Amino acid sequence: MREPIRDKERLEHILESIDRIQKNVADLDWEHIRENEIFYYGLVKNIEIIGEAAYHLTKEFREANVEIPWNLIIRMRHVLVHDYYQIDEKEVQYVIEDNLLPLRNQIVSCISNTDWETWEKQEIAPAESAVHKNMVQSARRMLSKGYSAKEISEITGLSFEEISML
């Protein structure tokens, strides 16, 4: 079974996307950015990644770091993904010019100031149990559709013993 992505890795994904955006817009004016649709939507995609990573942080981590506007970041991602036909270019510009650097500083601070060894010990149990529960549910559906125990094990990572008890 694949190892779940932890909070620290999600924060690193946020930093990577912020850095990617900042590196690519550094010497460009917004008229040029708007004219190059593929480039512009590459920026939008990286803002989506920031929101997606924030969305997948544990609730406990977001609650422990309330100084970061997680809900706004996540809502921005939802707008970009689900209301893509209504994206406000000025809002994208505002996010990139005014919000990313402060967010980057906050994320760097979170990464630096968190005792990750302790944090991940408390994070691992709920994450593993939730992932395991999902795998068991998937295995039950697969059994009902006639998959073999070997196929189920290969796909879900469950042991043959766990599958036989379903």
N, C-alpha and C. Protein backbone atom coordinates (compact mmCIF):
# COMPACT_ATOMS: atom_id res chain seq x y z
N MET A 1 0.84 -1.18 0.00
CA MET A 1 0.00 0.00 0.00
C MET A 1 0.89 1.24 0.00
N ARG A 2 0.45 2.26 -0.73
CA ARG A 2 1.21 3.49 -0.84
C ARG A 2 1.18 4.25 0.48
N GLU A 3 2.31 4.82 0.85
CA GLU A 3 2.43 5.63 2.06
C GLU A 3 1.61 6.91 1.89
N PRO A 4 0.79 7.27 2.88
CA PRO A 4 0.02 8.52 2.74
C PRO A 4 0.94 9.74 2.79
N ILE A 5 0.55 10.76 2.06
CA ILE A 5 1.31 12.00 2.07
C ILE A 5 0.99 12.73 3.37
N ARG A 6 2.01 13.16 4.05
CA ARG A 6 1.86 13.79 5.35
C ARG A 6 1.81 15.31 5.22
N ASP A 7 1.49 15.96 6.33
CA ASP A 7 1.35 17.42 6.34
C ASP A 7 2.60 18.14 5.85
N LYS A 8 3.76 17.71 6.30
CA LYS A 8 4.99 18.40 5.90
C LYS A 8 5.17 18.35 4.38
N GLU A 9 4.87 17.20 3.78
CA GLU A 9 5.00 17.09 2.33
C GLU A 9 3.99 17.99 1.62
N ARG A 10 2.79 18.10 2.17
CA ARG A 10 1.78 19.00 1.57
C ARG A 10 2.28 20.45 1.62
N LEU A 11 2.87 20.83 2.74
CA LEU A 11 3.43 22.18 2.85
C LEU A 11 4.54 22.39 1.84
N GLU A 12 5.36 21.38 1.63
CA GLU A 12 6.43 21.48 0.63
C GLU A 12 5.86 21.62 -0.78
N HIS A 13 4.73 20.96 -1.05
CA HIS A 13 4.07 21.11 -2.35
C HIS A 13 3.60 22.57 -2.53
N ILE A 14 3.08 23.15 -1.46
CA ILE A 14 2.65 24.55 -1.52
C ILE A 14 3.84 25.44 -1.84
N LEU A 15 4.95 25.23 -1.15
CA LEU A 15 6.16 26.04 -1.41
C LEU A 15 6.64 25.88 -2.85
N GLU A 16 6.64 24.65 -3.34
CA GLU A 16 7.09 24.41 -4.72
C GLU A 16 6.24 25.18 -5.72
N SER A 17 4.93 25.17 -5.51
CA SER A 17 4.05 25.90 -6.44
C SER A 17 4.24 27.40 -6.33
N ILE A 18 4.37 27.91 -5.12
CA ILE A 18 4.62 29.35 -4.95
C ILE A 18 5.93 29.72 -5.65
N ASP A 19 6.97 28.96 -5.41
CA ASP A 19 8.27 29.26 -6.02
C ASP A 19 8.20 29.17 -7.54
N ARG A 20 7.46 28.19 -8.05
CA ARG A 20 7.32 28.04 -9.50
C ARG A 20 6.62 29.28 -10.09
N ILE A 21 5.57 29.73 -9.44
CA ILE A 21 4.86 30.92 -9.92
C ILE A 21 5.78 32.14 -9.87
N GLN A 22 6.41 32.37 -8.72
CA GLN A 22 7.24 33.56 -8.56
C GLN A 22 8.40 33.58 -9.55
N LYS A 23 9.01 32.43 -9.78
CA LYS A 23 10.12 32.36 -10.72
C LYS A 23 9.66 32.72 -12.13
N ASN A 24 8.48 32.29 -12.51
CA ASN A 24 8.02 32.48 -13.88
C ASN A 24 7.37 33.82 -14.17
N VAL A 25 6.94 34.54 -13.14
CA VAL A 25 6.34 35.86 -13.38
C VAL A 25 7.29 37.01 -13.06
N ALA A 26 8.46 36.68 -12.58
CA ALA A 26 9.39 37.70 -12.06
C ALA A 26 9.61 38.87 -13.01
N ASP A 27 9.85 38.62 -14.27
CA ASP A 27 10.21 39.69 -15.19
C ASP A 27 9.12 39.97 -16.23
N LEU A 28 7.90 39.56 -15.95
CA LEU A 28 6.83 39.72 -16.93
C LEU A 28 5.79 40.73 -16.45
N ASP A 29 5.19 41.43 -17.41
CA ASP A 29 4.07 42.30 -17.05
C ASP A 29 2.77 41.53 -17.30
N TRP A 30 1.69 41.98 -16.66
CA TRP A 30 0.44 41.23 -16.72
C TRP A 30 -0.21 41.24 -18.08
N GLU A 31 0.05 42.24 -18.87
CA GLU A 31 -0.49 42.23 -20.23
C GLU A 31 0.09 41.04 -21.00
N HIS A 32 1.39 40.84 -20.88
CA HIS A 32 2.04 39.70 -21.55
C HIS A 32 1.50 38.37 -21.01
N ILE A 33 1.32 38.29 -19.70
CA ILE A 33 0.83 37.05 -19.08
C ILE A 33 -0.58 36.73 -19.59
N ARG A 34 -1.45 37.71 -19.63
CA ARG A 34 -2.83 37.49 -20.09
C ARG A 34 -2.89 37.09 -21.56
N GLU A 35 -1.98 37.61 -22.35
CA GLU A 35 -1.97 37.29 -23.78
C GLU A 35 -1.54 35.85 -24.04
N ASN A 36 -0.73 35.29 -23.17
CA ASN A 36 -0.25 33.92 -23.34
C ASN A 36 -1.13 33.00 -22.50
N GLU A 37 -2.20 32.50 -23.10
CA GLU A 37 -3.19 31.73 -22.36
C GLU A 37 -2.62 30.48 -21.70
N ILE A 38 -1.77 29.76 -22.38
CA ILE A 38 -1.20 28.54 -21.80
C ILE A 38 -0.36 28.89 -20.58
N PHE A 39 0.44 29.92 -20.68
CA PHE A 39 1.25 30.36 -19.54
C PHE A 39 0.35 30.78 -18.38
N TYR A 40 -0.67 31.59 -18.69
CA TYR A 40 -1.60 32.07 -17.66
C TYR A 40 -2.26 30.89 -16.94
N TYR A 41 -2.75 29.92 -17.70
CA TYR A 41 -3.41 28.78 -17.07
C TYR A 41 -2.43 27.87 -16.34
N GLY A 42 -1.16 27.94 -16.69
CA GLY A 42 -0.14 27.26 -15.89
C GLY A 42 -0.04 27.89 -14.50
N LEU A 43 -0.14 29.20 -14.44
CA LEU A 43 -0.15 29.90 -13.15
C LEU A 43 -1.39 29.51 -12.35
N VAL A 44 -2.54 29.48 -13.02
CA VAL A 44 -3.78 29.10 -12.37
C VAL A 44 -3.66 27.68 -11.82
N LYS A 45 -3.08 26.79 -12.58
CA LYS A 45 -2.92 25.40 -12.13
C LYS A 45 -2.08 25.34 -10.85
N ASN A 46 -1.04 26.14 -10.77
CA ASN A 46 -0.22 26.14 -9.56
C ASN A 46 -0.96 26.71 -8.37
N ILE A 47 -1.85 27.67 -8.59
CA ILE A 47 -2.69 28.16 -7.49
C ILE A 47 -3.65 27.05 -7.05
N GLU A 48 -4.16 26.29 -8.01
CA GLU A 48 -5.00 25.13 -7.68
C GLU A 48 -4.23 24.13 -6.81
N ILE A 49 -2.98 23.87 -7.17
CA ILE A 49 -2.15 22.92 -6.41
C ILE A 49 -1.99 23.41 -4.97
N ILE A 50 -1.79 24.70 -4.80
CA ILE A 50 -1.67 25.27 -3.45
C ILE A 50 -2.95 24.98 -2.67
N GLY A 51 -4.09 25.23 -3.28
CA GLY A 51 -5.36 24.98 -2.62
C GLY A 51 -5.62 23.52 -2.35
N GLU A 52 -5.24 22.67 -3.28
CA GLU A 52 -5.43 21.23 -3.11
C GLU A 52 -4.57 20.70 -1.97
N ALA A 53 -3.33 21.15 -1.92
CA ALA A 53 -2.44 20.73 -0.82
C ALA A 53 -2.98 21.22 0.51
N ALA A 54 -3.47 22.45 0.56
CA ALA A 54 -4.05 22.98 1.80
C ALA A 54 -5.28 22.17 2.21
N TYR A 55 -6.10 21.81 1.23
CA TYR A 55 -7.30 21.02 1.48
C TYR A 55 -6.97 19.66 2.10
N HIS A 56 -5.86 19.08 1.69
CA HIS A 56 -5.48 17.75 2.17
C HIS A 56 -4.63 17.76 3.43
N LEU A 57 -4.30 18.94 3.94
CA LEU A 57 -3.66 18.99 5.26
C LEU A 57 -4.65 18.44 6.27
N THR A 58 -4.14 17.85 7.34
CA THR A 58 -5.05 17.37 8.36
C THR A 58 -5.78 18.55 9.00
N LYS A 59 -6.99 18.28 9.41
CA LYS A 59 -7.78 19.30 10.11
C LYS A 59 -7.02 19.79 11.33
N GLU A 60 -6.35 18.88 12.01
CA GLU A 60 -5.60 19.23 13.21
C GLU A 60 -4.47 20.21 12.90
N PHE A 61 -3.80 20.01 11.77
CA PHE A 61 -2.71 20.91 11.40
C PHE A 61 -3.25 22.29 11.08
N ARG A 62 -4.33 22.34 10.31
CA ARG A 62 -4.92 23.66 9.98
C ARG A 62 -5.37 24.37 11.25
N GLU A 63 -5.96 23.62 12.17
CA GLU A 63 -6.42 24.23 13.43
C GLU A 63 -5.26 24.68 14.31
N ALA A 64 -4.12 24.01 14.20
CA ALA A 64 -2.94 24.40 14.98
C ALA A 64 -2.23 25.61 14.37
N ASN A 65 -2.59 25.98 13.14
CA ASN A 65 -1.94 27.08 12.44
C ASN A 65 -2.99 28.03 11.86
N VAL A 66 -3.80 28.58 12.74
CA VAL A 66 -4.94 29.40 12.32
C VAL A 66 -4.54 30.75 11.74
N GLU A 67 -3.29 31.13 11.89
CA GLU A 67 -2.84 32.41 11.33
C GLU A 67 -2.83 32.38 9.80
N ILE A 68 -2.87 31.19 9.23
CA ILE A 68 -2.90 31.05 7.77
C ILE A 68 -4.37 30.92 7.34
N PRO A 69 -4.78 31.67 6.33
CA PRO A 69 -6.20 31.65 5.93
C PRO A 69 -6.53 30.41 5.07
N TRP A 70 -6.49 29.24 5.69
CA TRP A 70 -6.69 27.98 4.97
C TRP A 70 -8.01 27.97 4.20
N ASN A 71 -9.08 28.42 4.83
CA ASN A 71 -10.38 28.37 4.17
C ASN A 71 -10.42 29.23 2.90
N LEU A 72 -9.77 30.39 2.93
CA LEU A 72 -9.72 31.23 1.74
C LEU A 72 -8.91 30.55 0.63
N ILE A 73 -7.81 29.93 1.02
CA ILE A 73 -6.96 29.23 0.05
C ILE A 73 -7.73 28.09 -0.60
N ILE A 74 -8.44 27.33 0.22
CA ILE A 74 -9.21 26.19 -0.28
C ILE A 74 -10.38 26.67 -1.15
N ARG A 75 -11.04 27.74 -0.72
CA ARG A 75 -12.15 28.29 -1.53
C ARG A 75 -11.66 28.76 -2.89
N MET A 76 -10.46 29.37 -2.92
CA MET A 76 -9.89 29.82 -4.19
C MET A 76 -9.70 28.64 -5.12
N ARG A 77 -9.20 27.55 -4.58
CA ARG A 77 -9.01 26.33 -5.37
C ARG A 77 -10.34 25.84 -5.93
N HIS A 78 -11.38 25.84 -5.09
CA HIS A 78 -12.70 25.37 -5.54
C HIS A 78 -13.23 26.25 -6.68
N VAL A 79 -13.04 27.55 -6.57
CA VAL A 79 -13.48 28.45 -7.63
C VAL A 79 -12.72 28.15 -8.91
N LEU A 80 -11.42 28.01 -8.82
CA LEU A 80 -10.61 27.77 -10.02
C LEU A 80 -10.96 26.45 -10.69
N VAL A 81 -11.29 25.45 -9.90
CA VAL A 81 -11.59 24.13 -10.46
C VAL A 81 -13.04 24.04 -10.93
N HIS A 82 -13.97 24.46 -10.11
CA HIS A 82 -15.37 24.24 -10.41
C HIS A 82 -16.04 25.39 -11.14
N ASP A 83 -15.56 26.60 -10.96
CA ASP A 83 -16.11 27.76 -11.65
C ASP A 83 -15.08 28.34 -12.62
N TYR A 84 -14.35 27.45 -13.26
CA TYR A 84 -13.25 27.83 -14.16
C TYR A 84 -13.68 28.83 -15.23
N TYR A 85 -14.93 28.80 -15.60
CA TYR A 85 -15.45 29.69 -16.64
C TYR A 85 -15.67 31.11 -16.13
N GLN A 86 -15.52 31.30 -14.82
CA GLN A 86 -15.73 32.62 -14.22
C GLN A 86 -14.48 33.15 -13.54
N ILE A 87 -13.32 32.64 -13.90
CA ILE A 87 -12.10 33.07 -13.24
C ILE A 87 -11.86 34.55 -13.52
N ASP A 88 -11.65 35.29 -12.46
CA ASP A 88 -11.39 36.72 -12.54
C ASP A 88 -9.87 36.92 -12.62
N GLU A 89 -9.40 37.36 -13.77
CA GLU A 89 -7.96 37.52 -13.98
C GLU A 89 -7.35 38.51 -12.99
N LYS A 90 -8.09 39.52 -12.62
CA LYS A 90 -7.58 40.50 -11.65
C LYS A 90 -7.40 39.85 -10.28
N GLU A 91 -8.28 38.93 -9.93
CA GLU A 91 -8.15 38.22 -8.66
C GLU A 91 -6.92 37.31 -8.67
N VAL A 92 -6.69 36.64 -9.80
CA VAL A 92 -5.48 35.81 -9.94
C VAL A 92 -4.25 36.68 -9.81
N GLN A 93 -4.25 37.82 -10.47
CA GLN A 93 -3.13 38.75 -10.38
C GLN A 93 -2.92 39.21 -8.94
N TYR A 94 -4.00 39.56 -8.26
CA TYR A 94 -3.92 40.00 -6.86
C TYR A 94 -3.32 38.91 -5.98
N VAL A 95 -3.79 37.68 -6.16
CA VAL A 95 -3.26 36.56 -5.36
C VAL A 95 -1.76 36.44 -5.59
N ILE A 96 -1.34 36.47 -6.84
CA ILE A 96 0.08 36.28 -7.16
C ILE A 96 0.92 37.44 -6.65
N GLU A 97 0.46 38.65 -6.87
CA GLU A 97 1.27 39.82 -6.49
C GLU A 97 1.26 40.11 -4.99
N ASP A 98 0.12 39.88 -4.34
CA ASP A 98 -0.02 40.33 -2.95
C ASP A 98 -0.10 39.23 -1.89
N ASN A 99 -0.49 38.03 -2.28
CA ASN A 99 -0.73 36.99 -1.28
C ASN A 99 0.33 35.89 -1.21
N LEU A 100 1.00 35.62 -2.31
CA LEU A 100 1.90 34.46 -2.31
C LEU A 100 3.14 34.63 -1.44
N LEU A 101 3.75 35.79 -1.46
CA LEU A 101 4.95 35.98 -0.64
C LEU A 101 4.63 35.88 0.86
N PRO A 102 3.58 36.55 1.35
CA PRO A 102 3.24 36.37 2.77
C PRO A 102 2.89 34.91 3.09
N LEU A 103 2.17 34.25 2.19
CA LEU A 103 1.84 32.84 2.42
C LEU A 103 3.10 32.00 2.46
N ARG A 104 4.03 32.28 1.55
CA ARG A 104 5.29 31.53 1.54
C ARG A 104 6.01 31.67 2.88
N ASN A 105 6.06 32.90 3.39
CA ASN A 105 6.73 33.14 4.67
C ASN A 105 6.05 32.38 5.80
N GLN A 106 4.72 32.34 5.78
CA GLN A 106 3.99 31.60 6.81
C GLN A 106 4.25 30.10 6.71
N ILE A 107 4.29 29.57 5.50
CA ILE A 107 4.53 28.13 5.30
C ILE A 107 5.94 27.77 5.75
N VAL A 108 6.92 28.60 5.38
CA VAL A 108 8.30 28.35 5.81
C VAL A 108 8.36 28.35 7.34
N SER A 109 7.66 29.28 7.96
CA SER A 109 7.63 29.34 9.42
C SER A 109 7.00 28.07 10.01
N CYS A 110 5.90 27.62 9.41
CA CYS A 110 5.27 26.37 9.88
C CYS A 110 6.23 25.20 9.79
N ILE A 111 6.90 25.09 8.67
CA ILE A 111 7.83 23.97 8.48
C ILE A 111 8.96 24.05 9.50
N SER A 112 9.49 25.24 9.70
CA SER A 112 10.62 25.42 10.62
C SER A 112 10.24 25.24 12.08
N ASN A 113 9.04 25.67 12.44
CA ASN A 113 8.66 25.69 13.86
C ASN A 113 7.87 24.47 14.33
N THR A 114 7.65 23.51 13.46
CA THR A 114 6.90 22.31 13.85
C THR A 114 7.89 21.21 14.19
N ASP A 115 7.65 20.54 15.29
CA ASP A 115 8.43 19.35 15.65
C ASP A 115 7.81 18.19 14.88
N TRP A 116 8.36 17.91 13.70
CA TRP A 116 7.74 16.96 12.78
C TRP A 116 7.75 15.53 13.31
N GLU A 117 8.76 15.17 14.04
CA GLU A 117 8.79 13.81 14.59
C GLU A 117 7.60 13.59 15.52
N THR A 118 7.36 14.54 16.39
CA THR A 118 6.22 14.44 17.31
C THR A 118 4.90 14.57 16.55
N TRP A 119 4.83 15.54 15.64
CA TRP A 119 3.60 15.77 14.89
C TRP A 119 3.19 14.53 14.10
N GLU A 120 4.12 13.92 13.41
CA GLU A 120 3.78 12.78 12.56
C GLU A 120 3.41 11.56 13.37
N LYS A 121 3.91 11.43 14.58
CA LYS A 121 3.49 10.32 15.43
C LYS A 121 2.01 10.44 15.77
N GLN A 122 1.55 11.65 16.06
CA GLN A 122 0.14 11.82 16.38
C GLN A 122 -0.72 11.81 15.13
N GLU A 123 -0.12 12.13 13.98
CA GLU A 123 -0.87 12.19 12.73
C GLU A 123 -1.07 10.81 12.12
N ILE A 124 -0.12 9.91 12.32
CA ILE A 124 -0.11 8.66 11.58
C ILE A 124 -1.29 7.74 11.90
N ALA A 125 -1.69 7.65 13.15
CA ALA A 125 -2.77 6.73 13.52
C ALA A 125 -4.08 7.06 12.81
N PRO A 126 -4.59 8.30 12.88
CA PRO A 126 -5.84 8.57 12.17
C PRO A 126 -5.70 8.43 10.66
N ALA A 127 -4.57 8.84 10.11
CA ALA A 127 -4.38 8.76 8.67
C ALA A 127 -4.39 7.30 8.23
N GLU A 128 -3.67 6.45 8.94
CA GLU A 128 -3.63 5.05 8.57
C GLU A 128 -4.99 4.39 8.72
N SER A 129 -5.70 4.70 9.79
CA SER A 129 -7.00 4.06 9.99
C SER A 129 -7.98 4.50 8.90
N ALA A 130 -7.94 5.77 8.50
CA ALA A 130 -8.84 6.25 7.45
C ALA A 130 -8.49 5.61 6.11
N VAL A 131 -7.21 5.52 5.81
CA VAL A 131 -6.78 4.89 4.56
C VAL A 131 -7.16 3.41 4.57
N HIS A 132 -6.91 2.75 5.70
CA HIS A 132 -7.24 1.32 5.80
C HIS A 132 -8.74 1.10 5.63
N LYS A 133 -9.54 1.94 6.25
CA LYS A 133 -11.00 1.82 6.14
C LYS A 133 -11.42 1.94 4.67
N ASN A 134 -10.83 2.89 3.94
CA ASN A 134 -11.15 3.05 2.52
C ASN A 134 -10.73 1.82 1.72
N MET A 135 -9.58 1.25 2.06
CA MET A 135 -9.11 0.07 1.33
C MET A 135 -10.04 -1.12 1.58
N VAL A 136 -10.50 -1.27 2.82
CA VAL A 136 -11.43 -2.36 3.15
C VAL A 136 -12.73 -2.18 2.37
N GLN A 137 -13.25 -0.96 2.31
CA GLN A 137 -14.47 -0.70 1.55
C GLN A 137 -14.27 -1.03 0.08
N SER A 138 -13.13 -0.63 -0.46
CA SER A 138 -12.83 -0.94 -1.86
C SER A 138 -12.75 -2.45 -2.07
N ALA A 139 -12.10 -3.13 -1.14
CA ALA A 139 -11.96 -4.59 -1.25
C ALA A 139 -13.33 -5.27 -1.23
N ARG A 140 -14.23 -4.80 -0.39
CA ARG A 140 -15.59 -5.38 -0.34
C ARG A 140 -16.30 -5.21 -1.69
N ARG A 141 -16.18 -4.03 -2.26
CA ARG A 141 -16.80 -3.80 -3.57
C ARG A 141 -16.17 -4.69 -4.63
N MET A 142 -14.85 -4.84 -4.56
CA MET A 142 -14.17 -5.68 -5.54
C MET A 142 -14.58 -7.13 -5.41
N LEU A 143 -14.73 -7.61 -4.16
CA LEU A 143 -15.19 -8.98 -3.93
C LEU A 143 -16.57 -9.19 -4.53
N SER A 144 -17.44 -8.22 -4.34
CA SER A 144 -18.80 -8.35 -4.87
C SER A 144 -18.82 -8.36 -6.39
N LYS A 145 -17.77 -7.83 -7.00
CA LYS A 145 -17.69 -7.81 -8.46
C LYS A 145 -16.88 -8.98 -9.01
N GLY A 146 -16.43 -9.87 -8.12
CA GLY A 146 -15.77 -11.09 -8.57
C GLY A 146 -14.26 -11.03 -8.69
N TYR A 147 -13.61 -10.00 -8.16
CA TYR A 147 -12.15 -9.94 -8.18
C TYR A 147 -11.59 -11.05 -7.29
N SER A 148 -10.44 -11.56 -7.66
CA SER A 148 -9.79 -12.58 -6.83
C SER A 148 -9.06 -11.91 -5.67
N ALA A 149 -8.77 -12.70 -4.63
CA ALA A 149 -8.04 -12.17 -3.47
C ALA A 149 -6.68 -11.63 -3.90
N LYS A 150 -6.05 -12.29 -4.85
CA LYS A 150 -4.74 -11.84 -5.34
C LYS A 150 -4.85 -10.45 -5.99
N GLU A 151 -5.86 -10.27 -6.84
CA GLU A 151 -6.07 -8.99 -7.50
C GLU A 151 -6.37 -7.89 -6.47
N ILE A 152 -7.20 -8.22 -5.50
CA ILE A 152 -7.56 -7.24 -4.48
C ILE A 152 -6.34 -6.85 -3.66
N SER A 153 -5.54 -7.83 -3.32
CA SER A 153 -4.33 -7.56 -2.54
C SER A 153 -3.37 -6.66 -3.32
N GLU A 154 -3.20 -6.96 -4.60
CA GLU A 154 -2.29 -6.15 -5.42
C GLU A 154 -2.78 -4.70 -5.55
N ILE A 155 -4.07 -4.52 -5.64
CA ILE A 155 -4.63 -3.18 -5.84
C ILE A 155 -4.70 -2.40 -4.54
N THR A 156 -5.15 -3.05 -3.46
CA THR A 156 -5.39 -2.34 -2.20
C THR A 156 -4.24 -2.40 -1.22
N GLY A 157 -3.39 -3.42 -1.37
CA GLY A 157 -2.31 -3.59 -0.39
C GLY A 157 -2.73 -4.35 0.85
N LEU A 158 -4.00 -4.80 0.89
CA LEU A 158 -4.46 -5.59 2.03
C LEU A 158 -3.85 -6.98 1.96
N SER A 159 -3.67 -7.59 3.12
CA SER A 159 -3.13 -8.96 3.15
C SER A 159 -4.24 -9.95 2.79
N PHE A 160 -3.84 -11.17 2.42
CA PHE A 160 -4.82 -12.22 2.11
C PHE A 160 -5.69 -12.52 3.33
N GLU A 161 -5.09 -12.46 4.51
CA GLU A 161 -5.83 -12.71 5.74
C GLU A 161 -6.93 -11.65 5.94
N GLU A 162 -6.58 -10.39 5.71
CA GLU A 162 -7.58 -9.32 5.84
C GLU A 162 -8.71 -9.50 4.84
N ILE A 163 -8.35 -9.89 3.63
CA ILE A 163 -9.36 -10.07 2.56
C ILE A 163 -10.26 -11.24 2.89
N SER A 164 -9.69 -12.32 3.42
CA SER A 164 -10.51 -13.50 3.74
C SER A 164 -11.51 -13.24 4.85
N MET A 165 -11.28 -12.24 5.68
CA MET A 165 -12.17 -11.93 6.78
C MET A 165 -13.32 -10.99 6.36
N LEU A 166 -13.31 -10.54 5.10
CA LEU A 166 -14.38 -9.62 4.64
C LEU A 166 -15.67 -10.37 4.35
